[in-house]
Amino acid sequence: MSPDNRERVRIGLLFQIFRTNEMSGKLVTRALEPTGLRGDDYAVYSYLLHGPMTLTDLADGTGLPLTTAAGYVKRFEEKGHIVKVPNPADGRSYLLSLTEACRDWILDVARIFTKTINHLDAVMEAEGVDAAELVDQLQRVQDLIDRALDDLDNPRRG
């Protein structure tokens, strides 16, 4: 591959990820429009369905910085959507979970959101795209980006 093509592919990959993020954001916004819930909030609420969990678990699982995850928790707590109990494993942190009412609400939102997921699945199937394979490929790209970030944060000296 020529140096020019290599540069185009390298920039093209990150730009395509950017575009895909923008387009998926539009799809999520449209899907959630009837609920009044923002896509980023829905993602965090959905992850909290798997609680109870620590704030660190939430941050790690969603890929959010710890301070950003804490901001979501604070906002959700102010709305009365989060239950915090001391973590018996260490006595310093808290275990977070959704209130029963919030859990029921998010499960209702999930039923609405699932219609869009099913439609996207049908579009991909009609195009002969294996959704599971695509998810695996996206996970691989994410893993490689994580590795590149780690390498930049921790340069090897030798």
Protein backbone atom coordinates (compact mmCIF):
# COMPACT_ATOMS: atom_id res chain seq x y z
CA MET A 1 0.00 0.00 0.00
CA SER A 2 1.38 3.40 -0.93
CA PRO A 3 1.99 6.00 1.82
CA ASP A 4 -0.85 8.15 0.41
CA ASN A 5 -3.34 5.27 0.59
CA ARG A 6 -2.17 4.34 4.08
CA GLU A 7 -2.79 7.92 5.27
CA ARG A 8 -6.24 7.96 3.64
CA VAL A 9 -7.21 4.66 5.27
CA ARG A 10 -5.88 5.76 8.65
CA ILE A 11 -7.76 9.06 8.62
CA GLY A 12 -10.70 7.34 6.93
CA LEU A 13 -11.12 4.85 9.76
CA LEU A 14 -11.41 7.50 12.46
CA PHE A 15 -13.65 9.65 10.28
CA GLN A 16 -15.91 6.66 9.55
CA ILE A 17 -16.15 5.95 13.28
CA PHE A 18 -17.12 9.60 13.79
CA ARG A 19 -19.78 9.41 11.06
CA THR A 20 -21.12 6.11 12.37
CA ASN A 21 -21.39 7.61 15.85
CA GLU A 22 -23.31 10.59 14.47
CA MET A 23 -25.69 8.42 12.45
CA SER A 24 -26.30 5.96 15.28
CA GLY A 25 -26.99 8.94 17.54
CA LYS A 26 -29.67 10.14 15.12
CA LEU A 27 -31.23 6.68 15.05
CA VAL A 28 -31.25 6.44 18.84
CA THR A 29 -32.71 9.95 19.16
CA ARG A 30 -35.50 9.09 16.74
CA ALA A 31 -36.22 5.80 18.52
CA LEU A 32 -36.41 7.47 21.92
CA GLU A 33 -38.32 10.56 20.78
CA PRO A 34 -41.70 9.30 22.07
CA THR A 35 -40.19 8.70 25.53
CA GLY A 36 -38.57 12.11 26.02
CA LEU A 37 -35.39 10.34 27.15
CA ARG A 38 -31.97 11.26 25.76
CA GLY A 39 -29.88 8.50 24.22
CA ASP A 40 -26.94 8.91 26.58
CA ASP A 41 -29.24 8.77 29.61
CA TYR A 42 -30.95 5.66 28.22
CA ALA A 43 -27.58 3.97 27.74
CA VAL A 44 -26.58 4.62 31.36
CA TYR A 45 -30.00 3.67 32.74
CA SER A 46 -29.89 0.48 30.66
CA TYR A 47 -26.50 -0.43 32.04
CA LEU A 48 -27.76 0.20 35.57
CA LEU A 49 -30.47 -2.41 34.95
CA HIS A 50 -27.65 -4.92 35.54
CA GLY A 51 -27.00 -3.57 39.06
CA PRO A 52 -26.36 -3.37 41.83
CA MET A 53 -22.90 -2.09 40.95
CA THR A 54 -20.29 0.36 42.13
CA LEU A 55 -19.65 3.69 40.45
CA THR A 56 -16.39 2.23 39.13
CA ASP A 57 -18.30 -0.71 37.64
CA LEU A 58 -20.64 1.75 35.93
CA ALA A 59 -17.76 3.83 34.56
CA ASP A 60 -15.83 0.78 33.35
CA GLY A 61 -18.88 -0.88 31.80
CA THR A 62 -20.02 2.20 29.91
CA GLY A 63 -16.57 3.48 28.99
CA LEU A 64 -17.30 6.78 30.73
CA PRO A 65 -14.72 8.65 32.78
CA LEU A 66 -15.40 8.19 36.50
CA THR A 67 -16.34 11.86 36.95
CA THR A 68 -18.82 11.70 34.07
CA ALA A 69 -20.40 8.53 35.47
CA ALA A 70 -20.65 10.28 38.85
CA GLY A 71 -22.49 13.15 37.15
CA TYR A 72 -25.08 10.78 35.73
CA VAL A 73 -25.53 9.11 39.12
CA LYS A 74 -25.97 12.48 40.85
CA ARG A 75 -28.58 13.57 38.31
CA PHE A 76 -30.46 10.26 38.49
CA GLU A 77 -30.29 10.34 42.27
CA GLU A 78 -31.79 13.86 42.31
CA LYS A 79 -34.69 12.49 40.24
CA GLY A 80 -35.20 9.70 42.78
CA HIS A 81 -34.19 7.01 40.27
CA ILE A 82 -31.18 5.53 42.11
CA VAL A 83 -30.84 3.58 45.32
CA LYS A 84 -27.40 3.79 46.99
CA VAL A 85 -26.44 1.34 49.72
CA PRO A 86 -23.04 0.90 51.39
CA ASN A 87 -20.93 -1.74 49.67
CA PRO A 88 -20.50 -4.60 52.16
CA ALA A 89 -17.31 -5.66 50.33
CA ASP A 90 -15.35 -2.56 51.34
CA GLY A 91 -17.54 -0.27 53.45
CA ARG A 92 -16.31 2.81 51.55
CA SER A 93 -18.04 2.66 48.19
CA TYR A 94 -21.72 2.34 47.42
CA LEU A 95 -23.72 -0.12 45.38
CA LEU A 96 -26.00 1.57 42.89
CA SER A 97 -29.25 0.23 41.55
CA LEU A 98 -32.38 1.63 39.97
CA THR A 99 -35.51 2.10 42.02
CA GLU A 100 -38.28 -0.34 41.18
CA ALA A 101 -40.34 2.43 39.54
CA CYS A 102 -37.36 3.56 37.44
CA ARG A 103 -36.56 -0.03 36.49
CA ASP A 104 -40.14 -0.53 35.27
CA TRP A 105 -39.98 2.75 33.32
CA ILE A 106 -36.68 1.84 31.62
CA LEU A 107 -38.05 -1.59 30.71
CA ASP A 108 -41.04 0.18 29.09
CA VAL A 109 -38.62 2.45 27.20
CA ALA A 110 -36.66 -0.65 26.14
CA ARG A 111 -39.80 -2.11 24.54
CA ILE A 112 -40.15 1.06 22.46
CA PHE A 113 -36.43 1.09 21.62
CA THR A 114 -36.52 -2.58 20.60
CA LYS A 115 -38.76 -1.69 17.64
CA THR A 116 -35.92 0.37 16.17
CA ILE A 117 -33.36 -2.34 16.90
CA ASN A 118 -35.58 -4.89 15.16
CA HIS A 119 -35.94 -2.58 12.15
CA LEU A 120 -32.16 -2.10 11.93
CA ASP A 121 -31.71 -5.88 12.20
CA ALA A 122 -34.15 -6.34 9.30
CA VAL A 123 -32.29 -3.77 7.18
CA MET A 124 -28.97 -5.50 7.86
CA GLU A 125 -30.43 -8.93 7.16
CA ALA A 126 -31.87 -7.71 3.86
CA GLU A 127 -28.36 -6.53 2.94
CA GLY A 128 -26.82 -9.86 3.95
CA VAL A 129 -24.99 -8.37 6.92
CA ASP A 130 -24.28 -10.68 9.85
CA ALA A 131 -25.03 -8.42 12.83
CA ALA A 132 -23.13 -10.60 15.31
CA GLU A 133 -20.03 -10.54 13.09
CA LEU A 134 -20.31 -6.77 12.73
CA VAL A 135 -20.55 -6.34 16.51
CA ASP A 136 -17.44 -8.52 16.90
CA GLN A 137 -15.58 -6.36 14.37
CA LEU A 138 -16.64 -3.17 16.13
CA GLN A 139 -15.50 -4.63 19.45
CA ARG A 140 -12.15 -5.43 17.86
CA VAL A 141 -11.80 -1.82 16.64
CA GLN A 142 -12.70 -0.58 20.13
CA ASP A 143 -10.13 -2.90 21.70
CA LEU A 144 -7.46 -1.62 19.30
CA ILE A 145 -8.35 2.00 20.05
CA ASP A 146 -8.17 1.22 23.79
CA ARG A 147 -4.74 -0.32 23.22
CA ALA A 148 -3.56 2.70 21.24
CA LEU A 149 -4.77 5.01 24.01
CA ASP A 150 -3.01 2.90 26.61
CA ASP A 151 0.19 2.96 24.55
CA LEU A 152 -0.01 6.76 24.28
CA ASP A 153 -0.65 7.10 28.02
CA ASN A 154 2.11 4.65 28.94
CA PRO A 155 4.91 4.87 26.37
CA ARG A 156 7.32 1.98 26.56
CA ARG A 157 10.84 2.99 27.34
CA GLY A 158 13.57 0.84 26.04
